[in-house]
């Protein structure tokens, strides 16, 4: 389970340099925009969930010039960076809030986009339920995240030196699809892509992870210092398969979209007209 307070603090610190380090966010942003092209959407209201520094908002502005785009993020510092990009501020709003508790009325948006938000959510199912609530019937929810094959090399390297949790556990795309349907969203379509990433050395890798706020935020992680000896042993395990001391690892990129089905019926609000119940003869 992830600690939202730690995540917010780390993204606040990462915000000024975020765009220079998070190439994964850029890759999946472009992948999401490309996957929206065939849907022929003309939204008037768009919600960018987990907007970070606003790069997705800029891309959405180019694609949907007449839409009002709402950028929502847990980090106030990320939203400050997004506001500083003056060129796309027309018909734009910025909201600091938790994606599990969206401050919007039912059916507020024609399109909801979430680029690399789900890997940071303690309860993705809660996010799906909130998206289903604020999405108009016939609207689209499009998202990108990481699958369970991501960062396995890093996980194995840490496992060689201790038993503590160091790498987040990413959901399988079939579990994501089931969760979308349970939340009341319709006709989910998911696909997977791969991104191969190489680093010259562990120092460069962990520098980039720090610059994008992607360090260990697991609630059950060890809270003491890792220690130079253990970190060195992990780094040696991470580079053991490379003659030059470099690192090569894979990321499983999961893309998906589904459709709004309108508000779900509340069982507590059901009414039965007794006069319409046929008599048994």
Foldseek 3Di string as FASTA:
>chain_A
DFDVVLLQVLLLVLQVCQVVQPVVLVVVLVVQLVVCVVVPDAKQEEEEEQCFQPPSVVVVCVVHVNHQYEYEHQHPNRVVNNVVPPPRPPSYHYYHDDLLDDPDAFQQIQEYEYEAPVLRDPDVLSNLLSCLRNHHFFGKYKYKHFAQQFPVLLVVLLVVQDDFDWDGGHYHVVVVVVSNVVSPWADKDKDKDKDKDKFQFVVVVVVSCSSNSNGDRDPRGDPDDPDPVSVVSSRCSQQVVPPRRMHIGMTIMMIMMTGHRGDDDDPVPDDDDPVPDDDDD
